[in-house]
């Protein structure tokens, strides 16, 4: 792949990838949206301070106690005091809670994705390159893990665990059931590369297996891995949101988009703004990563994208 890209471009392969990525409107939208969301999450603290509120701070003056704690003002209390309105009953600032909720949701998604990619890549390369009994054992492990009803097991494991770090636990639980997908992709790519001319030449030259795996095979499967990684992130965001929505994920007072959506269900008829704002952020994040991942897959792994 690298040689073909360089031959067509005259520049390095990643310059061509960037050029093709920016040439697609959907990819540009995804890239810019992802960059903005990541920046907002990274700067959640300073931006919340700029708005004047922390995510746990109550503002009883922003809600009407005689109307069940409904926000005072139109569109859920949106105004100069609270830029995205407030949470019903408590008066907590939605701008601060959405930013910090995005920080938690994206942290879980990125960390779980990194765990899945590292584990899946190591298992897939080992199974594809060494073959034989190693491949048989690792392939059966992939099949066994993929055969579990993952969502049910995630809910069960999250429900049983009590006094633990919920962010760490949800990251490990999601990673436990997700790694076989990328392991299969990497295994297939490795099988197609292990008998290539440059790998055989490295073997004849006396290169050890570790050097062949890291210098010859891994760089040539990096394209599909990067594309698959980008497509993993929206699934991780949605999974965390689903678990938090079901009440077994991130728990108050720590905010997350899924948790906020779950809490807003009780108010969607009287205060739809409270429901729409975290839902819009979740939708944009999943859409942006999906569009970016689709574009990267088409560019870096065209054969996989057509199959």
Protein backbone atom coordinates (compact mmCIF):
# COMPACT_ATOMS: atom_id res chain seq x y z
CA UNK A 1 0.00 0.00 0.00
CA UNK A 2 2.75 2.43 0.93
CA UNK A 3 4.62 2.01 -2.34
CA UNK A 4 1.47 2.49 -4.39
CA UNK A 5 0.53 5.64 -2.55
CA UNK A 6 4.01 7.11 -2.94
CA UNK A 7 4.09 6.25 -6.65
CA UNK A 8 0.81 8.02 -7.32
CA UNK A 9 1.57 11.10 -5.30
CA UNK A 10 5.22 12.04 -5.48
CA UNK A 11 4.92 12.87 -1.78
CA UNK A 12 4.79 10.58 1.22
CA UNK A 13 1.78 8.30 1.63
CA UNK A 14 0.34 10.26 4.55
CA UNK A 15 0.41 13.50 2.54
CA UNK A 16 -1.77 11.78 -0.04
CA UNK A 17 -4.07 10.46 2.69
CA UNK A 18 -4.52 13.97 4.09
CA UNK A 19 -5.18 15.37 0.62
CA UNK A 20 -7.78 12.72 -0.21
CA UNK A 21 -9.37 13.09 3.21
CA UNK A 22 -9.72 16.85 2.88
CA UNK A 23 -11.12 16.49 -0.63
CA UNK A 24 -14.22 14.73 0.71
CA UNK A 25 -16.91 16.98 2.18
CA UNK A 26 -18.16 14.33 4.60
CA UNK A 27 -14.63 13.65 5.83
CA UNK A 28 -13.97 17.38 6.29
CA UNK A 29 -17.15 17.70 8.34
CA UNK A 30 -16.18 14.68 10.44
CA UNK A 31 -12.62 15.87 10.97
CA UNK A 32 -13.59 19.41 11.97
CA UNK A 33 -16.40 18.21 14.24
CA UNK A 34 -14.14 15.67 15.95
CA UNK A 35 -11.47 18.34 16.46
CA UNK A 36 -13.99 20.75 17.98
CA UNK A 37 -15.51 18.12 20.30
CA UNK A 38 -12.09 16.94 21.48
CA UNK A 39 -11.01 20.55 22.08
CA UNK A 40 -14.19 21.30 24.05
CA UNK A 41 -13.70 18.18 26.17
CA UNK A 42 -10.01 18.94 26.78
CA UNK A 43 -10.83 22.52 27.84
CA UNK A 44 -13.95 21.61 29.83
CA UNK A 45 -12.57 23.10 33.05
CA UNK A 46 -11.49 26.52 31.71
CA UNK A 47 -14.59 26.84 29.51
CA UNK A 48 -16.88 26.01 32.44
CA UNK A 49 -15.10 28.62 34.52
CA UNK A 50 -15.59 31.09 31.68
CA UNK A 51 -19.31 30.36 31.82
CA UNK A 52 -19.23 30.93 35.56
CA UNK A 53 -20.49 27.54 36.74
CA UNK A 54 -19.16 24.13 37.72
CA UNK A 55 -21.03 20.96 36.69
CA UNK A 56 -22.08 20.18 40.31
CA UNK A 57 -23.06 23.73 41.29
CA UNK A 58 -26.78 24.32 41.96
CA UNK A 59 -28.54 27.52 40.97
CA UNK A 60 -31.90 27.58 42.71
CA UNK A 61 -32.64 31.00 41.24
CA UNK A 62 -32.75 29.46 37.75
CA UNK A 63 -35.67 27.10 38.51
CA UNK A 64 -39.22 27.69 39.70
CA UNK A 65 -39.98 25.68 42.87
CA UNK A 66 -43.73 26.19 42.37
CA UNK A 67 -43.64 24.48 38.95
CA UNK A 68 -41.77 21.33 39.97
CA UNK A 69 -38.37 22.92 39.47
CA UNK A 70 -38.89 23.88 35.84
CA UNK A 71 -36.24 26.24 34.41
CA UNK A 72 -37.17 29.89 34.43
CA UNK A 73 -37.17 31.36 30.94
CA UNK A 74 -37.58 30.07 27.41
CA UNK A 75 -35.79 27.03 26.00
CA UNK A 76 -34.84 25.55 29.34
CA UNK A 77 -33.45 28.75 30.80
CA UNK A 78 -31.00 29.59 28.01
CA UNK A 79 -29.57 33.07 28.44
CA UNK A 80 -26.51 35.08 29.36
CA UNK A 81 -26.43 33.51 32.83
CA UNK A 82 -26.67 29.91 31.56
CA UNK A 83 -25.58 29.57 27.93
CA UNK A 84 -27.29 26.20 27.30
CA UNK A 85 -29.91 26.46 30.02
CA UNK A 86 -30.12 24.52 33.26
CA UNK A 87 -31.06 21.11 34.54
CA UNK A 88 -34.63 21.00 35.89
CA UNK A 89 -35.10 20.73 39.66
CA UNK A 90 -31.42 21.34 40.47
CA UNK A 91 -30.53 24.33 38.31
CA UNK A 92 -27.15 22.87 37.38
CA UNK A 93 -25.60 24.53 34.35
CA UNK A 94 -26.01 22.44 31.18
CA UNK A 95 -23.06 24.03 29.41
CA UNK A 96 -20.70 22.90 32.17
CA UNK A 97 -22.33 19.46 32.46
CA UNK A 98 -22.26 18.81 28.70
CA UNK A 99 -18.56 19.75 28.49
CA UNK A 100 -17.57 17.58 31.44
CA UNK A 101 -19.91 14.83 30.25
CA UNK A 102 -18.17 14.90 26.89
CA UNK A 103 -14.82 14.72 28.65
CA UNK A 104 -15.89 11.54 30.46
CA UNK A 105 -17.57 9.97 27.43
CA UNK A 106 -14.64 10.65 25.09
CA UNK A 107 -12.08 9.58 27.69
CA UNK A 108 -13.84 6.22 28.05
CA UNK A 109 -14.22 5.85 24.28
CA UNK A 110 -10.58 6.69 23.48
CA UNK A 111 -9.13 4.61 26.32
CA UNK A 112 -11.30 1.60 25.53
CA UNK A 113 -10.45 1.92 21.85
CA UNK A 114 -6.72 2.04 22.62
CA UNK A 115 -7.06 -1.07 24.80
CA UNK A 116 -9.00 -2.91 22.10
CA UNK A 117 -6.61 -1.92 19.30
CA UNK A 118 -3.45 -2.90 21.19
CA UNK A 119 -4.90 -6.23 22.35
CA UNK A 120 -6.48 -7.06 19.01
CA UNK A 121 -3.37 -6.11 17.03
CA UNK A 122 -1.05 -8.22 19.19
CA UNK A 123 -3.36 -11.25 19.10
CA UNK A 124 -4.11 -10.90 15.38
CA UNK A 125 -0.47 -10.56 14.32
CA UNK A 126 0.59 -13.48 16.52
CA UNK A 127 -2.19 -15.72 15.19
CA UNK A 128 -1.58 -14.84 11.55
CA UNK A 129 2.21 -14.96 11.58
CA UNK A 130 2.95 -17.99 13.74
CA UNK A 131 -0.02 -20.08 12.55
CA UNK A 132 -0.38 -23.69 13.65
CA UNK A 133 -1.32 -24.30 17.25
CA UNK A 134 -0.90 -20.62 18.15
CA UNK A 135 -3.39 -19.63 15.48
CA UNK A 136 -5.81 -22.37 16.52
CA UNK A 137 -5.79 -21.39 20.20
CA UNK A 138 -6.07 -17.63 19.57
CA UNK A 139 -8.76 -18.08 16.91
CA UNK A 140 -10.84 -20.22 19.29
CA UNK A 141 -10.39 -17.53 21.96
CA UNK A 142 -11.69 -14.93 19.48
CA UNK A 143 -14.69 -17.12 18.65
CA UNK A 144 -15.42 -17.74 22.33
CA UNK A 145 -15.30 -14.05 23.21
CA UNK A 146 -17.48 -13.07 20.24
CA UNK A 147 -20.05 -15.76 21.12
CA UNK A 148 -20.91 -14.10 24.45
CA UNK A 149 -23.99 -11.84 24.53
CA UNK A 150 -21.73 -8.90 25.29
CA UNK A 151 -24.34 -6.29 26.30
CA UNK A 152 -25.93 -8.63 28.85
CA UNK A 153 -22.54 -9.48 30.32
CA UNK A 154 -21.56 -5.81 30.41
CA UNK A 155 -24.75 -4.93 32.29
CA UNK A 156 -24.25 -7.84 34.70
CA UNK A 157 -20.62 -7.02 35.44
CA UNK A 158 -21.31 -3.31 35.88
CA UNK A 159 -24.27 -4.05 38.17
CA UNK A 160 -22.31 -6.39 40.46
CA UNK A 161 -19.37 -4.02 40.93
CA UNK A 162 -20.10 -1.41 43.57
CA UNK A 163 -17.32 0.62 45.19
CA UNK A 164 -14.97 0.84 42.21
CA UNK A 165 -13.78 3.48 39.78
CA UNK A 166 -16.68 3.44 37.31
CA UNK A 167 -14.73 5.06 34.47
CA UNK A 168 -11.94 2.49 34.73
CA UNK A 169 -14.37 -0.41 35.10
CA UNK A 170 -16.51 0.54 32.11
CA UNK A 171 -13.35 0.95 30.00
CA UNK A 172 -12.13 -2.54 30.91
CA UNK A 173 -15.55 -4.14 30.46
CA UNK A 174 -16.06 -2.64 26.99
CA UNK A 175 -12.52 -3.60 25.97
CA UNK A 176 -12.98 -7.18 27.20
CA UNK A 177 -15.72 -7.93 24.66
CA UNK A 178 -14.60 -5.81 21.69
CA UNK A 179 -11.02 -6.80 20.84
CA UNK A 180 -11.76 -9.91 18.67
CA UNK A 181 -13.14 -7.80 15.81
CA UNK A 182 -9.88 -6.00 15.09
CA UNK A 183 -7.91 -9.18 15.90
CA UNK A 184 -9.65 -10.94 13.02
CA UNK A 185 -8.95 -8.07 10.64
CA UNK A 186 -5.24 -7.99 11.58
CA UNK A 187 -4.97 -11.80 11.41
CA UNK A 188 -6.34 -11.80 7.86
CA UNK A 189 -3.97 -9.03 6.77
CA UNK A 190 -1.01 -10.80 8.39
CA UNK A 191 -1.84 -14.09 6.66
CA UNK A 192 -1.72 -12.30 3.30
CA UNK A 193 1.63 -10.66 4.10
CA UNK A 194 3.59 -13.44 5.82
CA UNK A 195 4.57 -15.08 2.50
CA UNK A 196 5.33 -11.83 0.65
CA UNK A 197 8.73 -11.32 -0.96
CA UNK A 198 10.07 -8.77 1.51
CA UNK A 199 9.10 -10.95 4.50
CA UNK A 200 10.78 -13.97 2.90
CA UNK A 201 13.84 -11.86 2.15
CA UNK A 202 13.99 -10.74 5.79
CA UNK A 203 13.83 -14.38 6.91
CA UNK A 204 16.63 -15.36 4.54
CA UNK A 205 18.66 -12.44 5.87
CA UNK A 206 18.42 -13.91 9.37
CA UNK A 207 15.94 -11.43 10.83
CA UNK A 208 14.22 -12.61 13.98
CA UNK A 209 10.44 -12.93 14.23
CA UNK A 210 10.14 -9.82 16.43
CA UNK A 211 11.98 -7.68 13.88
CA UNK A 212 9.89 -9.05 11.00
CA UNK A 213 6.66 -8.40 12.88
CA UNK A 214 7.57 -4.84 13.90
CA UNK A 215 9.54 -3.73 10.82
CA UNK A 216 7.85 -5.56 7.95
CA UNK A 217 4.33 -6.67 8.84
CA UNK A 218 3.06 -4.08 11.33
CA UNK A 219 3.76 -1.02 9.12
CA UNK A 220 1.90 -2.69 6.25
CA UNK A 221 -1.21 -3.45 8.30
CA UNK A 222 -1.24 0.01 9.91
CA UNK A 223 -3.67 1.39 7.30
CA UNK A 224 -6.53 -1.02 8.07
CA UNK A 225 -5.79 -0.71 11.80
CA UNK A 226 -6.08 3.10 11.70
CA UNK A 227 -9.29 2.92 9.67
CA UNK A 228 -10.78 0.30 11.98
CA UNK A 229 -9.74 2.32 15.03
CA UNK A 230 -11.61 5.39 13.84
CA UNK A 231 -14.72 3.28 13.25
CA UNK A 232 -14.42 1.78 16.73
CA UNK A 233 -14.69 5.11 18.54
CA UNK A 234 -18.37 5.87 17.73
CA UNK A 235 -19.32 2.37 18.85
CA UNK A 236 -17.49 2.94 22.13
CA UNK A 237 -19.23 6.28 22.66
CA UNK A 238 -22.62 4.69 21.98
CA UNK A 239 -21.88 1.72 24.28
CA UNK A 240 -20.87 3.98 27.17
CA UNK A 241 -23.98 6.09 26.61
CA UNK A 242 -26.18 2.98 26.56
CA UNK A 243 -24.71 1.61 29.80
CA UNK A 244 -25.02 4.99 31.53
CA UNK A 245 -28.55 5.35 30.18
CA UNK A 246 -29.44 1.96 31.71
CA UNK A 247 -28.04 3.11 35.05
CA UNK A 248 -25.04 0.78 35.22
CA UNK A 249 -22.42 3.08 33.72
CA UNK A 250 -21.10 6.39 35.01
CA UNK A 251 -23.00 7.45 38.12
CA UNK A 252 -23.82 10.89 39.56
CA UNK A 253 -22.39 13.33 40.32
CA UNK A 254 -19.96 12.48 37.49
CA UNK A 255 -21.74 13.55 34.28
CA UNK A 256 -21.77 11.74 30.95
CA UNK A 257 -23.93 12.21 27.87
CA UNK A 258 -25.74 8.90 28.34
CA UNK A 259 -26.46 9.64 31.97
CA UNK A 260 -27.79 13.12 31.12
CA UNK A 261 -30.09 11.69 28.46
CA UNK A 262 -31.42 9.13 30.95
CA UNK A 263 -32.13 11.86 33.50
CA UNK A 264 -33.80 14.08 30.90
CA UNK A 265 -36.45 11.48 30.00
CA UNK A 266 -38.55 12.55 33.01
CA UNK A 267 -38.64 16.13 31.71
CA UNK A 268 -38.78 15.79 27.92
CA UNK A 269 -42.44 16.88 27.73
CA UNK A 270 -42.04 19.96 29.93
CA UNK A 271 -38.41 20.81 29.13
CA UNK A 272 -37.37 19.27 25.78
CA UNK A 273 -34.21 21.41 25.70
CA UNK A 274 -32.72 19.34 28.51
CA UNK A 275 -33.20 16.23 26.38
CA UNK A 276 -32.11 17.72 23.07
CA UNK A 277 -28.76 19.23 24.10
CA UNK A 278 -26.89 16.10 25.29
CA UNK A 279 -28.61 14.08 22.55
CA UNK A 280 -27.32 16.51 19.91
CA UNK A 281 -23.75 16.29 21.23
CA UNK A 282 -23.92 12.48 21.31
CA UNK A 283 -25.37 12.37 17.79
CA UNK A 284 -22.71 14.73 16.41
CA UNK A 285 -19.88 12.76 18.01
CA UNK A 286 -21.07 9.42 16.65
CA UNK A 287 -21.81 10.87 13.20
CA UNK A 288 -18.46 12.69 12.94
CA UNK A 289 -16.36 9.68 13.92
CA UNK A 290 -18.38 7.43 11.61
CA UNK A 291 -17.92 9.72 8.59
CA UNK A 292 -14.21 10.11 9.32
CA UNK A 293 -13.78 6.37 9.80
CA UNK A 294 -15.61 5.53 6.57
CA UNK A 295 -13.40 7.92 4.63
CA UNK A 296 -10.20 6.55 6.17
CA UNK A 297 -11.29 2.98 5.45
CA UNK A 298 -11.94 3.80 1.79
CA UNK A 299 -8.54 5.48 1.47
CA UNK A 300 -6.34 3.19 3.57
CA UNK A 301 -8.09 -0.14 3.05
CA UNK A 302 -10.03 0.06 -0.24
CA UNK A 303 -10.27 -3.71 -0.62
CA UNK A 304 -11.71 -4.05 2.87
CA UNK A 305 -14.11 -1.20 2.21
CA UNK A 306 -15.54 -2.93 -0.86
CA UNK A 307 -15.86 -6.35 0.67
